[in-house]
Amino acid sequence: VFKSRTPPEAIALCSSLLEYTPSSRLSPLEACAHSFFDELRCLGTQLPNNRPLPPLFNFSAELSIQPSLNAILIPPHLRSPAGTTTLTPSSQ
């Protein structure tokens, strides 16, 4: 199904999302925290046309669903000292 140059992280993410047993399947927030998306959380990541990323980390109520994922979902450079999301010019 996948081309030979498909990143292993993409295959792992798809496999986890297509898990037959519902209790073993990734939730949407767990999928967002998957290592496949780590590049999006890196400081300085830009779109292919060199424009800044759109606001991807302005979570609020979603973070209360699985607080254990907060440290993975919100990059360190966008966290406030209190652990909440800080909107920066590139994330607004």
C-alpha atoms as a PDB file:
ATOM      1  CA  VAL A   1       0.000   0.000   0.000  1.00  0.00           C
ATOM      2  CA  PHE A   2       2.840   2.406   0.872  1.00  0.00           C
ATOM      3  CA  LYS A   3       5.590   3.510  -1.490  1.00  0.00           C
ATOM      4  CA  SER A   4       9.111   2.369  -0.642  1.00  0.00           C
ATOM      5  CA  ARG A   5      10.170   5.866   0.435  1.00  0.00           C
ATOM      6  CA  THR A   6       7.336   6.278   2.968  1.00  0.00           C
ATOM      7  CA  PRO A   7       8.846   7.226   6.338  1.00  0.00           C
ATOM      8  CA  PRO A   8       8.649   4.442   8.942  1.00  0.00           C
ATOM      9  CA  GLU A   9       6.957   6.884  11.349  1.00  0.00           C
ATOM     10  CA  ALA A  10       4.123   7.398   8.843  1.00  0.00           C
ATOM     11  CA  ILE A  11       3.599   3.657   8.523  1.00  0.00           C
ATOM     12  CA  ALA A  12       3.651   3.237  12.308  1.00  0.00           C
ATOM     13  CA  LEU A  13       1.095   6.041  12.734  1.00  0.00           C
ATOM     14  CA  CYS A  14      -1.232   4.554  10.108  1.00  0.00           C
ATOM     15  CA  SER A  15      -0.890   1.106  11.660  1.00  0.00           C
ATOM     16  CA  SER A  16      -1.804   2.497  15.070  1.00  0.00           C
ATOM     17  CA  LEU A  17      -4.814   4.355  13.670  1.00  0.00           C
ATOM     18  CA  LEU A  18      -6.049   1.279  11.808  1.00  0.00           C
ATOM     19  CA  GLU A  19      -5.686  -1.069  14.776  1.00  0.00           C
ATOM     20  CA  TYR A  20      -8.623  -3.490  14.739  1.00  0.00           C
ATOM     21  CA  THR A  21      -9.142  -3.553  18.513  1.00  0.00           C
ATOM     22  CA  PRO A  22     -10.678  -0.200  19.546  1.00  0.00           C
ATOM     23  CA  SER A  23      -9.002  -0.156  22.958  1.00  0.00           C
ATOM     24  CA  SER A  24      -5.602  -0.568  21.258  1.00  0.00           C
ATOM     25  CA  ARG A  25      -6.261   2.114  18.630  1.00  0.00           C
ATOM     26  CA  LEU A  26      -4.760   5.600  19.033  1.00  0.00           C
ATOM     27  CA  SER A  27      -7.113   8.374  20.053  1.00  0.00           C
ATOM     28  CA  PRO A  28      -7.037  11.562  17.947  1.00  0.00           C
ATOM     29  CA  LEU A  29      -4.944  13.389  20.572  1.00  0.00           C
ATOM     30  CA  GLU A  30      -2.560  10.448  20.855  1.00  0.00           C
ATOM     31  CA  ALA A  31      -2.196  10.553  17.067  1.00  0.00           C
ATOM     32  CA  CYS A  32      -1.316  14.263  17.257  1.00  0.00           C
ATOM     33  CA  ALA A  33       1.390  13.407  19.802  1.00  0.00           C
ATOM     34  CA  HIS A  34       2.910  10.707  17.553  1.00  0.00           C
ATOM     35  CA  SER A  35       6.580  11.084  16.599  1.00  0.00           C
ATOM     36  CA  PHE A  36       5.565  11.493  12.939  1.00  0.00           C
ATOM     37  CA  PHE A  37       4.548  15.069  13.824  1.00  0.00           C
ATOM     38  CA  ASP A  38       7.676  15.934  15.865  1.00  0.00           C
ATOM     39  CA  GLU A  39       9.037  18.160  13.099  1.00  0.00           C
ATOM     40  CA  LEU A  40       5.992  20.426  13.445  1.00  0.00           C
ATOM     41  CA  ARG A  41       6.881  21.016  17.092  1.00  0.00           C
ATOM     42  CA  CYS A  42      10.459  22.140  16.349  1.00  0.00           C
ATOM     43  CA  LEU A  43      11.252  25.811  16.791  1.00  0.00           C
ATOM     44  CA  GLY A  44      11.740  27.474  13.409  1.00  0.00           C
ATOM     45  CA  THR A  45       9.821  24.928  11.332  1.00  0.00           C
ATOM     46  CA  GLN A  46       8.327  26.592   8.257  1.00  0.00           C
ATOM     47  CA  LEU A  47       6.053  25.630   5.407  1.00  0.00           C
ATOM     48  CA  PRO A  48       7.742  24.593   2.124  1.00  0.00           C
ATOM     49  CA  ASN A  49       7.219  28.157   0.823  1.00  0.00           C
ATOM     50  CA  ASN A  50       9.178  29.505   3.862  1.00  0.00           C
ATOM     51  CA  ARG A  51       6.075  30.964   5.500  1.00  0.00           C
ATOM     52  CA  PRO A  52       5.475  30.330   9.215  1.00  0.00           C
ATOM     53  CA  LEU A  53       3.269  27.464  10.290  1.00  0.00           C
ATOM     54  CA  PRO A  54      -0.383  28.285  10.993  1.00  0.00           C
ATOM     55  CA  PRO A  55      -1.452  28.181  14.666  1.00  0.00           C
ATOM     56  CA  LEU A  56      -1.175  24.474  15.424  1.00  0.00           C
ATOM     57  CA  PHE A  57      -0.775  24.551  19.188  1.00  0.00           C
ATOM     58  CA  ASN A  58      -3.622  26.705  20.440  1.00  0.00           C
ATOM     59  CA  PHE A  59      -5.192  23.838  22.383  1.00  0.00           C
ATOM     60  CA  SER A  60      -7.356  24.634  25.375  1.00  0.00           C
ATOM     61  CA  ALA A  61     -10.160  22.280  26.354  1.00  0.00           C
ATOM     62  CA  GLU A  62      -8.537  19.495  24.345  1.00  0.00           C
ATOM     63  CA  LEU A  63      -5.559  19.406  26.702  1.00  0.00           C
ATOM     64  CA  SER A  64      -7.763  18.596  29.684  1.00  0.00           C
ATOM     65  CA  ILE A  65      -8.856  15.338  28.029  1.00  0.00           C
ATOM     66  CA  GLN A  66      -5.458  13.649  28.424  1.00  0.00           C
ATOM     67  CA  PRO A  67      -3.166  15.898  30.492  1.00  0.00           C
ATOM     68  CA  SER A  68      -0.361  13.353  30.168  1.00  0.00           C
ATOM     69  CA  LEU A  69      -0.004  14.364  26.495  1.00  0.00           C
ATOM     70  CA  ASN A  70       0.443  18.095  27.194  1.00  0.00           C
ATOM     71  CA  ALA A  71       4.241  17.902  27.350  1.00  0.00           C
ATOM     72  CA  ILE A  72       4.336  16.126  23.987  1.00  0.00           C
ATOM     73  CA  LEU A  73       1.695  18.174  22.167  1.00  0.00           C
ATOM     74  CA  ILE A  74       2.885  21.646  23.176  1.00  0.00           C
ATOM     75  CA  PRO A  75       6.497  22.383  22.178  1.00  0.00           C
ATOM     76  CA  PRO A  76       8.711  23.768  24.976  1.00  0.00           C
ATOM     77  CA  HIS A  77       9.150  27.110  23.198  1.00  0.00           C
ATOM     78  CA  LEU A  78       5.365  27.671  23.296  1.00  0.00           C
ATOM     79  CA  ARG A  79       4.790  26.708  26.946  1.00  0.00           C
ATOM     80  CA  SER A  80       4.415  29.330  29.632  1.00  0.00           C
ATOM     81  CA  PRO A  81       5.990  28.767  33.056  1.00  0.00           C
ATOM     82  CA  ALA A  82       2.556  27.698  34.359  1.00  0.00           C
ATOM     83  CA  GLY A  83       2.431  24.959  31.718  1.00  0.00           C
ATOM     84  CA  THR A  84      -0.224  26.579  29.559  1.00  0.00           C
ATOM     85  CA  THR A  85       0.100  27.449  25.888  1.00  0.00           C
ATOM     86  CA  THR A  86       1.652  30.795  25.034  1.00  0.00           C
ATOM     87  CA  LEU A  87       0.728  32.254  21.666  1.00  0.00           C
ATOM     88  CA  THR A  88       3.729  33.728  19.915  1.00  0.00           C
ATOM     89  CA  PRO A  89       3.666  35.777  16.689  1.00  0.00           C
ATOM     90  CA  SER A  90       4.412  32.651  14.656  1.00  0.00           C
ATOM     91  CA  SER A  91       1.633  30.686  16.380  1.00  0.00           C
ATOM     92  CA  GLN A  92      -1.184  33.236  16.105  1.00  0.00           C
END
